[in-house]
PDB file of N, CA and C in Angstrom:
ATOM      1  N   MET A   1     -65.758  -7.785 -62.695  1.00  0.00           N
ATOM      2  CA  MET A   1     -66.868  -8.106 -63.570  1.00  0.00           C
ATOM      3  C   MET A   1     -66.816  -7.296 -64.866  1.00  0.00           C
ATOM      4  N   ARG A   2     -65.958  -6.305 -64.905  1.00  0.00           N
ATOM      5  CA  ARG A   2     -65.842  -5.508 -66.136  1.00  0.00           C
ATOM      6  C   ARG A   2     -65.298  -6.328 -67.299  1.00  0.00           C
ATOM      7  N   GLU A   3     -64.804  -7.520 -67.000  1.00  0.00           N
ATOM      8  CA  GLU A   3     -64.338  -8.374 -68.096  1.00  0.00           C
ATOM      9  C   GLU A   3     -65.477  -8.737 -69.042  1.00  0.00           C
ATOM     10  N   THR A   4     -66.722  -8.699 -68.541  1.00  0.00           N
ATOM     11  CA  THR A   4     -67.850  -8.961 -69.437  1.00  0.00           C
ATOM     12  C   THR A   4     -67.996  -7.835 -70.462  1.00  0.00           C
ATOM     13  N   LEU A   5     -67.712  -6.605 -70.045  1.00  0.00           N
ATOM     14  CA  LEU A   5     -67.753  -5.491 -70.998  1.00  0.00           C
ATOM     15  C   LEU A   5     -66.609  -5.609 -72.005  1.00  0.00           C
ATOM     16  N   ALA A   6     -65.451  -6.029 -71.525  1.00  0.00           N
ATOM     17  CA  ALA A   6     -64.319  -6.230 -72.432  1.00  0.00           C
ATOM     18  C   ALA A   6     -64.624  -7.350 -73.427  1.00  0.00           C
ATOM     19  N   ALA A   7     -65.270  -8.416 -72.948  1.00  0.00           N
ATOM     20  CA  ALA A   7     -65.643  -9.511 -73.838  1.00  0.00           C
ATOM     21  C   ALA A   7     -66.646  -9.032 -74.879  1.00  0.00           C
ATOM     22  N   ALA A   8     -67.614  -8.225 -74.454  1.00  0.00           N
ATOM     23  CA  ALA A   8     -68.597  -7.675 -75.384  1.00  0.00           C
ATOM     24  C   ALA A   8     -67.909  -6.801 -76.423  1.00  0.00           C
ATOM     25  N   SER A   9     -66.942  -6.025 -75.992  1.00  0.00           N
ATOM     26  CA  SER A   9     -66.188  -5.174 -76.909  1.00  0.00           C
ATOM     27  C   SER A   9     -65.469  -6.020 -77.957  1.00  0.00           C
ATOM     28  N   ASP A  10     -64.833  -7.095 -77.508  1.00  0.00           N
ATOM     29  CA  ASP A  10     -64.124  -7.983 -78.433  1.00  0.00           C
ATOM     30  C   ASP A  10     -65.091  -8.640 -79.421  1.00  0.00           C
ATOM     31  N   LEU A  11     -66.244  -9.053 -78.922  1.00  0.00           N
ATOM     32  CA  LEU A  11     -67.242  -9.664 -79.800  1.00  0.00           C
ATOM     33  C   LEU A  11     -67.718  -8.685 -80.869  1.00  0.00           C
ATOM     34  N   LEU A  12     -67.921  -7.433 -80.476  1.00  0.00           N
ATOM     35  CA  LEU A  12     -68.373  -6.444 -81.454  1.00  0.00           C
ATOM     36  C   LEU A  12     -67.282  -6.104 -82.458  1.00  0.00           C
ATOM     37  N   ALA A  13     -66.020  -6.156 -82.031  1.00  0.00           N
ATOM     38  CA  ALA A  13     -64.919  -5.961 -82.989  1.00  0.00           C
ATOM     39  C   ALA A  13     -64.934  -7.084 -84.019  1.00  0.00           C
ATOM     40  N   SER A  14     -65.193  -8.296 -83.555  1.00  0.00           N
ATOM     41  CA  SER A  14     -65.294  -9.436 -84.464  1.00  0.00           C
ATOM     42  C   SER A  14     -66.483  -9.274 -85.403  1.00  0.00           C
ATOM     43  N   ALA A  15     -67.618  -8.842 -84.859  1.00  0.00           N
ATOM     44  CA  ALA A  15     -68.806  -8.621 -85.680  1.00  0.00           C
ATOM     45  C   ALA A  15     -68.533  -7.555 -86.731  1.00  0.00           C
ATOM     46  N   ALA A  16     -67.827  -6.505 -86.343  1.00  0.00           N
ATOM     47  CA  ALA A  16     -67.504  -5.436 -87.291  1.00  0.00           C
ATOM     48  C   ALA A  16     -66.631  -5.963 -88.425  1.00  0.00           C
ATOM     49  N   ASP A  17     -65.694  -6.845 -88.101  1.00  0.00           N
ATOM     50  CA  ASP A  17     -64.835  -7.430 -89.131  1.00  0.00           C
ATOM     51  C   ASP A  17     -65.633  -8.276 -90.124  1.00  0.00           C
ATOM     52  N   ASP A  18     -66.689  -8.926 -89.626  1.00  0.00           N
ATOM     53  CA  ASP A  18     -67.478  -9.828 -90.457  1.00  0.00           C
ATOM     54  C   ASP A  18     -68.645  -9.145 -91.167  1.00  0.00           C
ATOM     55  N   ALA A  19     -68.977  -7.929 -90.759  1.00  0.00           N
ATOM     56  CA  ALA A  19     -70.166  -7.255 -91.289  1.00  0.00           C
ATOM     57  C   ALA A  19     -69.866  -6.543 -92.602  1.00  0.00           C
ATOM     58  N   ASP A  20     -70.802  -6.677 -93.527  1.00  0.00           N
ATOM     59  CA  ASP A  20     -70.714  -5.907 -94.763  1.00  0.00           C
ATOM     60  C   ASP A  20     -71.241  -4.496 -94.531  1.00  0.00           C
ATOM     61  N   ASP A  21     -72.351  -4.432 -93.804  1.00  0.00           N
ATOM     62  CA  ASP A  21     -72.966  -3.153 -93.461  1.00  0.00           C
ATOM     63  C   ASP A  21     -72.796  -2.898 -91.969  1.00  0.00           C
ATOM     64  N   HIS A  22     -72.775  -1.664 -91.595  1.00  0.00           N
ATOM     65  CA  HIS A  22     -72.732  -1.247 -90.195  1.00  0.00           C
ATOM     66  C   HIS A  22     -71.425  -1.582 -89.481  1.00  0.00           C
ATOM     67  N   ALA A  23     -70.382  -1.918 -90.203  1.00  0.00           N
ATOM     68  CA  ALA A  23     -69.111  -2.265 -89.573  1.00  0.00           C
ATOM     69  C   ALA A  23     -68.589  -1.107 -88.726  1.00  0.00           C
ATOM     70  N   ASP A  24     -68.679   0.115 -89.248  1.00  0.00           N
ATOM     71  CA  ASP A  24     -68.178   1.269 -88.499  1.00  0.00           C
ATOM     72  C   ASP A  24     -68.943   1.461 -87.192  1.00  0.00           C
ATOM     73  N   ARG A  25     -70.254   1.348 -87.277  1.00  0.00           N
ATOM     74  CA  ARG A  25     -71.092   1.540 -86.078  1.00  0.00           C
ATOM     75  C   ARG A  25     -70.831   0.439 -85.058  1.00  0.00           C
ATOM     76  N   LEU A  26     -70.703  -0.792 -85.502  1.00  0.00           N
ATOM     77  CA  LEU A  26     -70.382  -1.889 -84.581  1.00  0.00           C
ATOM     78  C   LEU A  26     -69.034  -1.645 -83.913  1.00  0.00           C
ATOM     79  N   GLY A  27     -68.073  -1.170 -84.678  1.00  0.00           N
ATOM     80  CA  GLY A  27     -66.765  -0.856 -84.120  1.00  0.00           C
ATOM     81  C   GLY A  27     -66.840   0.246 -83.078  1.00  0.00           C
ATOM     82  N   GLU A  28     -67.641   1.277 -83.374  1.00  0.00           N
ATOM     83  CA  GLU A  28     -67.808   2.389 -82.428  1.00  0.00           C
ATOM     84  C   GLU A  28     -68.443   1.912 -81.118  1.00  0.00           C
ATOM     85  N   LEU A  29     -69.488   1.089 -81.232  1.00  0.00           N
ATOM     86  CA  LEU A  29     -70.152   0.587 -80.026  1.00  0.00           C
ATOM     87  C   LEU A  29     -69.217  -0.320 -79.236  1.00  0.00           C
ATOM     88  N   GLY A  30     -68.436  -1.115 -79.942  1.00  0.00           N
ATOM     89  CA  GLY A  30     -67.441  -1.953 -79.273  1.00  0.00           C
ATOM     90  C   GLY A  30     -66.388  -1.127 -78.569  1.00  0.00           C
ATOM     91  N   ASP A  31     -65.942  -0.050 -79.213  1.00  0.00           N
ATOM     92  CA  ASP A  31     -64.958   0.847 -78.591  1.00  0.00           C
ATOM     93  C   ASP A  31     -65.528   1.491 -77.331  1.00  0.00           C
ATOM     94  N   GLN A  32     -66.804   1.867 -77.376  1.00  0.00           N
ATOM     95  CA  GLN A  32     -67.436   2.449 -76.194  1.00  0.00           C
ATOM     96  C   GLN A  32     -67.434   1.457 -75.036  1.00  0.00           C
ATOM     97  N   LEU A  33     -67.777   0.208 -75.330  1.00  0.00           N
ATOM     98  CA  LEU A  33     -67.767  -0.808 -74.273  1.00  0.00           C
ATOM     99  C   LEU A  33     -66.352  -1.050 -73.754  1.00  0.00           C
ATOM    100  N   GLY A  34     -65.385  -1.037 -74.650  1.00  0.00           N
ATOM    101  CA  GLY A  34     -63.994  -1.195 -74.234  1.00  0.00           C
ATOM    102  C   GLY A  34     -63.552  -0.069 -73.313  1.00  0.00           C
ATOM    103  N   SER A  35     -63.961   1.145 -73.636  1.00  0.00           N
ATOM    104  CA  SER A  35     -63.628   2.292 -72.781  1.00  0.00           C
ATOM    105  C   SER A  35     -64.286   2.168 -71.414  1.00  0.00           C
ATOM    106  N   LEU A  36     -65.531   1.722 -71.408  1.00  0.00           N
ATOM    107  CA  LEU A  36     -66.235   1.541 -70.135  1.00  0.00           C
ATOM    108  C   LEU A  36     -65.572   0.452 -69.295  1.00  0.00           C
ATOM    109  N   ALA A  37     -65.082  -0.579 -69.946  1.00  0.00           N
ATOM    110  CA  ALA A  37     -64.409  -1.669 -69.227  1.00  0.00           C
ATOM    111  C   ALA A  37     -63.118  -1.184 -68.583  1.00  0.00           C
ATOM    112  N   ASP A  38     -62.451  -0.221 -69.218  1.00  0.00           N
ATOM    113  CA  ASP A  38     -61.157   0.257 -68.735  1.00  0.00           C
ATOM    114  C   ASP A  38     -61.234   1.393 -67.726  1.00  0.00           C
ATOM    115  N   GLN A  39     -62.364   2.055 -67.637  1.00  0.00           N
ATOM    116  CA  GLN A  39     -62.448   3.235 -66.772  1.00  0.00           C
ATOM    117  C   GLN A  39     -62.628   2.842 -65.306  1.00  0.00           C
ATOM    118  N   ASP A  40     -62.277   3.757 -64.428  1.00  0.00           N
ATOM    119  CA  ASP A  40     -62.409   3.535 -62.991  1.00  0.00           C
ATOM    120  C   ASP A  40     -63.772   3.968 -62.458  1.00  0.00           C
ATOM    121  N   ARG A  41     -64.466   4.811 -63.205  1.00  0.00           N
ATOM    122  CA  ARG A  41     -65.768   5.322 -62.746  1.00  0.00           C
ATOM    123  C   ARG A  41     -66.836   4.249 -62.888  1.00  0.00           C
ATOM    124  N   ASP A  42     -67.921   4.457 -62.144  1.00  0.00           N
ATOM    125  CA  ASP A  42     -69.065   3.563 -62.252  1.00  0.00           C
ATOM    126  C   ASP A  42     -69.721   3.716 -63.615  1.00  0.00           C
ATOM    127  N   VAL A  43     -70.307   2.652 -64.079  1.00  0.00           N
ATOM    128  CA  VAL A  43     -71.032   2.634 -65.343  1.00  0.00           C
ATOM    129  C   VAL A  43     -72.515   2.633 -65.008  1.00  0.00           C
ATOM    130  N   ASP A  44     -73.279   3.485 -65.688  1.00  0.00           N
ATOM    131  CA  ASP A  44     -74.706   3.538 -65.380  1.00  0.00           C
ATOM    132  C   ASP A  44     -75.519   2.785 -66.422  1.00  0.00           C
ATOM    133  N   HIS A  45     -76.705   2.370 -65.998  1.00  0.00           N
ATOM    134  CA  HIS A  45     -77.597   1.614 -66.869  1.00  0.00           C
ATOM    135  C   HIS A  45     -77.952   2.381 -68.134  1.00  0.00           C
ATOM    136  N   GLY A  46     -78.124   3.689 -68.030  1.00  0.00           N
ATOM    137  CA  GLY A  46     -78.516   4.496 -69.181  1.00  0.00           C
ATOM    138  C   GLY A  46     -77.515   4.408 -70.315  1.00  0.00           C
ATOM    139  N   ARG A  47     -76.253   4.503 -69.982  1.00  0.00           N
ATOM    140  CA  ARG A  47     -75.208   4.431 -71.010  1.00  0.00           C
ATOM    141  C   ARG A  47     -75.220   3.065 -71.691  1.00  0.00           C
ATOM    142  N   LEU A  48     -75.337   2.012 -70.887  1.00  0.00           N
ATOM    143  CA  LEU A  48     -75.372   0.666 -71.450  1.00  0.00           C
ATOM    144  C   LEU A  48     -76.638   0.446 -72.278  1.00  0.00           C
ATOM    145  N   ALA A  49     -77.746   1.004 -71.831  1.00  0.00           N
ATOM    146  CA  ALA A  49     -79.003   0.871 -72.566  1.00  0.00           C
ATOM    147  C   ALA A  49     -78.900   1.539 -73.932  1.00  0.00           C
ATOM    148  N   ARG A  50     -78.221   2.685 -73.997  1.00  0.00           N
ATOM    149  CA  ARG A  50     -78.053   3.366 -75.288  1.00  0.00           C
ATOM    150  C   ARG A  50     -77.213   2.512 -76.240  1.00  0.00           C
ATOM    151  N   ILE A  51     -76.186   1.889 -75.713  1.00  0.00           N
ATOM    152  CA  ILE A  51     -75.360   1.006 -76.543  1.00  0.00           C
ATOM    153  C   ILE A  51     -76.193  -0.173 -77.023  1.00  0.00           C
ATOM    154  N   GLN A  52     -76.965  -0.780 -76.120  1.00  0.00           N
ATOM    155  CA  GLN A  52     -77.797  -1.909 -76.502  1.00  0.00           C
ATOM    156  C   GLN A  52     -78.876  -1.499 -77.500  1.00  0.00           C
ATOM    157  N   SER A  53     -79.374  -0.301 -77.382  1.00  0.00           N
ATOM    158  CA  SER A  53     -80.351   0.197 -78.340  1.00  0.00           C
ATOM    159  C   SER A  53     -79.721   0.301 -79.730  1.00  0.00           C
ATOM    160  N   GLY A  54     -78.498   0.779 -79.773  1.00  0.00           N
ATOM    161  CA  GLY A  54     -77.783   0.846 -81.046  1.00  0.00           C
ATOM    162  C   GLY A  54     -77.600  -0.530 -81.658  1.00  0.00           C
ATOM    163  N   LEU A  55     -77.287  -1.511 -80.826  1.00  0.00           N
ATOM    164  CA  LEU A  55     -77.141  -2.878 -81.320  1.00  0.00           C
ATOM    165  C   LEU A  55     -78.469  -3.418 -81.847  1.00  0.00           C
ATOM    166  N   ALA A  56     -79.549  -3.099 -81.153  1.00  0.00           N
ATOM    167  CA  ALA A  56     -80.877  -3.558 -81.580  1.00  0.00           C
ATOM    168  C   ALA A  56     -81.263  -2.950 -82.930  1.00  0.00           C
ATOM    169  N   GLU A  57     -80.826  -1.731 -83.200  1.00  0.00           N
ATOM    170  CA  GLU A  57     -81.116  -1.086 -84.487  1.00  0.00           C
ATOM    171  C   GLU A  57     -80.344  -1.746 -85.628  1.00  0.00           C
ATOM    172  N   ILE A  58     -79.136  -2.169 -85.330  1.00  0.00           N
ATOM    173  CA  ILE A  58     -78.260  -2.754 -86.353  1.00  0.00           C
ATOM    174  C   ILE A  58     -78.645  -4.202 -86.656  1.00  0.00           C
ATOM    175  N   ARG A  59     -79.009  -4.944 -85.634  1.00  0.00           N
ATOM    176  CA  ARG A  59     -79.175  -6.389 -85.721  1.00  0.00           C
ATOM    177  C   ARG A  59     -80.041  -6.863 -86.897  1.00  0.00           C
ATOM    178  N   PRO A  60     -81.185  -6.242 -87.189  1.00  0.00           N
ATOM    179  CA  PRO A  60     -82.024  -6.747 -88.299  1.00  0.00           C
ATOM    180  C   PRO A  60     -81.372  -6.608 -89.676  1.00  0.00           C
ATOM    181  N   ASP A  61     -80.362  -5.769 -89.784  1.00  0.00           N
ATOM    182  CA  ASP A  61     -79.760  -5.474 -91.089  1.00  0.00           C
ATOM    183  C   ASP A  61     -78.516  -6.293 -91.412  1.00  0.00           C
ATOM    184  N   VAL A  62     -78.127  -7.196 -90.497  1.00  0.00           N
ATOM    185  CA  VAL A  62     -76.892  -7.960 -90.718  1.00  0.00           C
ATOM    186  C   VAL A  62     -77.226  -9.436 -90.931  1.00  0.00           C
ATOM    187  N   ASP A  63     -76.238 -10.184 -91.414  1.00  0.00           N
ATOM    188  CA  ASP A  63     -76.485 -11.615 -91.646  1.00  0.00           C
ATOM    189  C   ASP A  63     -76.554 -12.371 -90.319  1.00  0.00           C
ATOM    190  N   ASP A  64     -76.948 -13.622 -90.398  1.00  0.00           N
ATOM    191  CA  ASP A  64     -77.198 -14.420 -89.197  1.00  0.00           C
ATOM    192  C   ASP A  64     -75.959 -14.585 -88.317  1.00  0.00           C
ATOM    193  N   SER A  65     -74.814 -14.727 -88.922  1.00  0.00           N
ATOM    194  CA  SER A  65     -73.583 -14.909 -88.159  1.00  0.00           C
ATOM    195  C   SER A  65     -73.246 -13.660 -87.349  1.00  0.00           C
ATOM    196  N   VAL A  66     -73.338 -12.519 -87.981  1.00  0.00           N
ATOM    197  CA  VAL A  66     -73.069 -11.253 -87.289  1.00  0.00           C
ATOM    198  C   VAL A  66     -74.135 -11.009 -86.223  1.00  0.00           C
ATOM    199  N   ALA A  67     -75.386 -11.319 -86.530  1.00  0.00           N
ATOM    200  CA  ALA A  67     -76.468 -11.157 -85.554  1.00  0.00           C
ATOM    201  C   ALA A  67     -76.214 -12.030 -84.323  1.00  0.00           C
ATOM    202  N   ALA A  68     -75.729 -13.248 -84.535  1.00  0.00           N
ATOM    203  CA  ALA A  68     -75.428 -14.139 -83.412  1.00  0.00           C
ATOM    204  C   ALA A  68     -74.305 -13.565 -82.541  1.00  0.00           C
ATOM    205  N   THR A  69     -73.325 -12.952 -83.171  1.00  0.00           N
ATOM    206  CA  THR A  69     -72.229 -12.336 -82.418  1.00  0.00           C
ATOM    207  C   THR A  69     -72.743 -11.124 -81.641  1.00  0.00           C
ATOM    208  N   ILE A  70     -73.626 -10.348 -82.251  1.00  0.00           N
ATOM    209  CA  ILE A  70     -74.242  -9.220 -81.542  1.00  0.00           C
ATOM    210  C   ILE A  70     -75.023  -9.733 -80.342  1.00  0.00           C
ATOM    211  N   ASP A  71     -75.743 -10.824 -80.513  1.00  0.00           N
ATOM    212  CA  ASP A  71     -76.497 -11.410 -79.392  1.00  0.00           C
ATOM    213  C   ASP A  71     -75.565 -11.821 -78.252  1.00  0.00           C
ATOM    214  N   GLU A  72     -74.428 -12.412 -78.593  1.00  0.00           N
ATOM    215  CA  GLU A  72     -73.454 -12.804 -77.565  1.00  0.00           C
ATOM    216  C   GLU A  72     -72.948 -11.573 -76.816  1.00  0.00           C
ATOM    217  N   ALA A  73     -72.637 -10.524 -77.560  1.00  0.00           N
ATOM    218  CA  ALA A  73     -72.157  -9.289 -76.927  1.00  0.00           C
ATOM    219  C   ALA A  73     -73.245  -8.710 -76.025  1.00  0.00           C
ATOM    220  N   ASN A  74     -74.466  -8.731 -76.495  1.00  0.00           N
ATOM    221  CA  ASN A  74     -75.588  -8.222 -75.719  1.00  0.00           C
ATOM    222  C   ASN A  74     -75.748  -9.025 -74.420  1.00  0.00           C
ATOM    223  N   ASP A  75     -75.564 -10.339 -74.501  1.00  0.00           N
ATOM    224  CA  ASP A  75     -75.629 -11.185 -73.300  1.00  0.00           C
ATOM    225  C   ASP A  75     -74.559 -10.787 -72.285  1.00  0.00           C
ATOM    226  N   GLU A  76     -73.381 -10.460 -72.768  1.00  0.00           N
ATOM    227  CA  GLU A  76     -72.292 -10.026 -71.877  1.00  0.00           C
ATOM    228  C   GLU A  76     -72.652  -8.700 -71.203  1.00  0.00           C
ATOM    229  N   VAL A  77     -73.230  -7.784 -71.961  1.00  0.00           N
ATOM    230  CA  VAL A  77     -73.641  -6.503 -71.381  1.00  0.00           C
ATOM    231  C   VAL A  77     -74.726  -6.733 -70.338  1.00  0.00           C
ATOM    232  N   ASN A  78     -75.683  -7.605 -70.639  1.00  0.00           N
ATOM    233  CA  ASN A  78     -76.730  -7.912 -69.662  1.00  0.00           C
ATOM    234  C   ASN A  78     -76.152  -8.525 -68.395  1.00  0.00           C
ATOM    235  N   ALA A  79     -75.165  -9.385 -68.539  1.00  0.00           N
ATOM    236  CA  ALA A  79     -74.520  -9.980 -67.371  1.00  0.00           C
ATOM    237  C   ALA A  79     -73.875  -8.912 -66.509  1.00  0.00           C
ATOM    238  N   PHE A  80     -73.250  -7.933 -67.143  1.00  0.00           N
ATOM    239  CA  PHE A  80     -72.655  -6.838 -66.383  1.00  0.00           C
ATOM    240  C   PHE A  80     -73.731  -5.995 -65.702  1.00  0.00           C
ATOM    241  N   ARG A  81     -74.793  -5.707 -66.443  1.00  0.00           N
ATOM    242  CA  ARG A  81     -75.868  -4.858 -65.878  1.00  0.00           C
ATOM    243  C   ARG A  81     -76.488  -5.493 -64.633  1.00  0.00           C
ATOM    244  N   GLU A  82     -76.483  -6.806 -64.554  1.00  0.00           N
ATOM    245  CA  GLU A  82     -77.031  -7.483 -63.374  1.00  0.00           C
ATOM    246  C   GLU A  82     -76.196  -7.212 -62.120  1.00  0.00           C
ATOM    247  N   THR A  83     -74.968  -6.755 -62.300  1.00  0.00           N
ATOM    248  CA  THR A  83     -74.074  -6.524 -61.166  1.00  0.00           C
ATOM    249  C   THR A  83     -74.125  -5.085 -60.660  1.00  0.00           C
ATOM    250  N   ILE A  84     -74.810  -4.194 -61.377  1.00  0.00           N
ATOM    251  CA  ILE A  84     -74.841  -2.810 -60.943  1.00  0.00           C
ATOM    252  C   ILE A  84     -76.237  -2.444 -60.428  1.00  0.00           C
ATOM    253  N   GLU A  85     -76.249  -1.532 -59.495  1.00  0.00           N
ATOM    254  CA  GLU A  85     -77.528  -1.136 -58.895  1.00  0.00           C
ATOM    255  C   GLU A  85     -78.267  -0.187 -59.828  1.00  0.00           C
ATOM    256  N   GLY A  86     -79.552  -0.121 -59.626  1.00  0.00           N
ATOM    257  CA  GLY A  86     -80.375   0.785 -60.414  1.00  0.00           C
ATOM    258  C   GLY A  86     -81.506   0.041 -61.064  1.00  0.00           C
ATOM    259  N   VAL A  87     -81.949   0.563 -62.180  1.00  0.00           N
ATOM    260  CA  VAL A  87     -83.112   0.036 -62.898  1.00  0.00           C
ATOM    261  C   VAL A  87     -83.005  -1.451 -63.135  1.00  0.00           C
TER     262      VAL A  87
END
């Protein structure tokens, strides 16, 4: 199921390429998701929530196309979060 995190990472890389503003931050958040997808350790809700919070801060400042890509990435993260125990 970690492929959803990898997909989210790829989507954020695409969003970063298309963004005029916040490209670096989108890239960083995408890299974090990519690292989480590749690691063997469990991923906790808190870490994912912090990433999603960062996306929520960026989203109002980007154009509609980039915002739609952020939404897709967020959906992938939510799909992954449904598979892990906790909050």
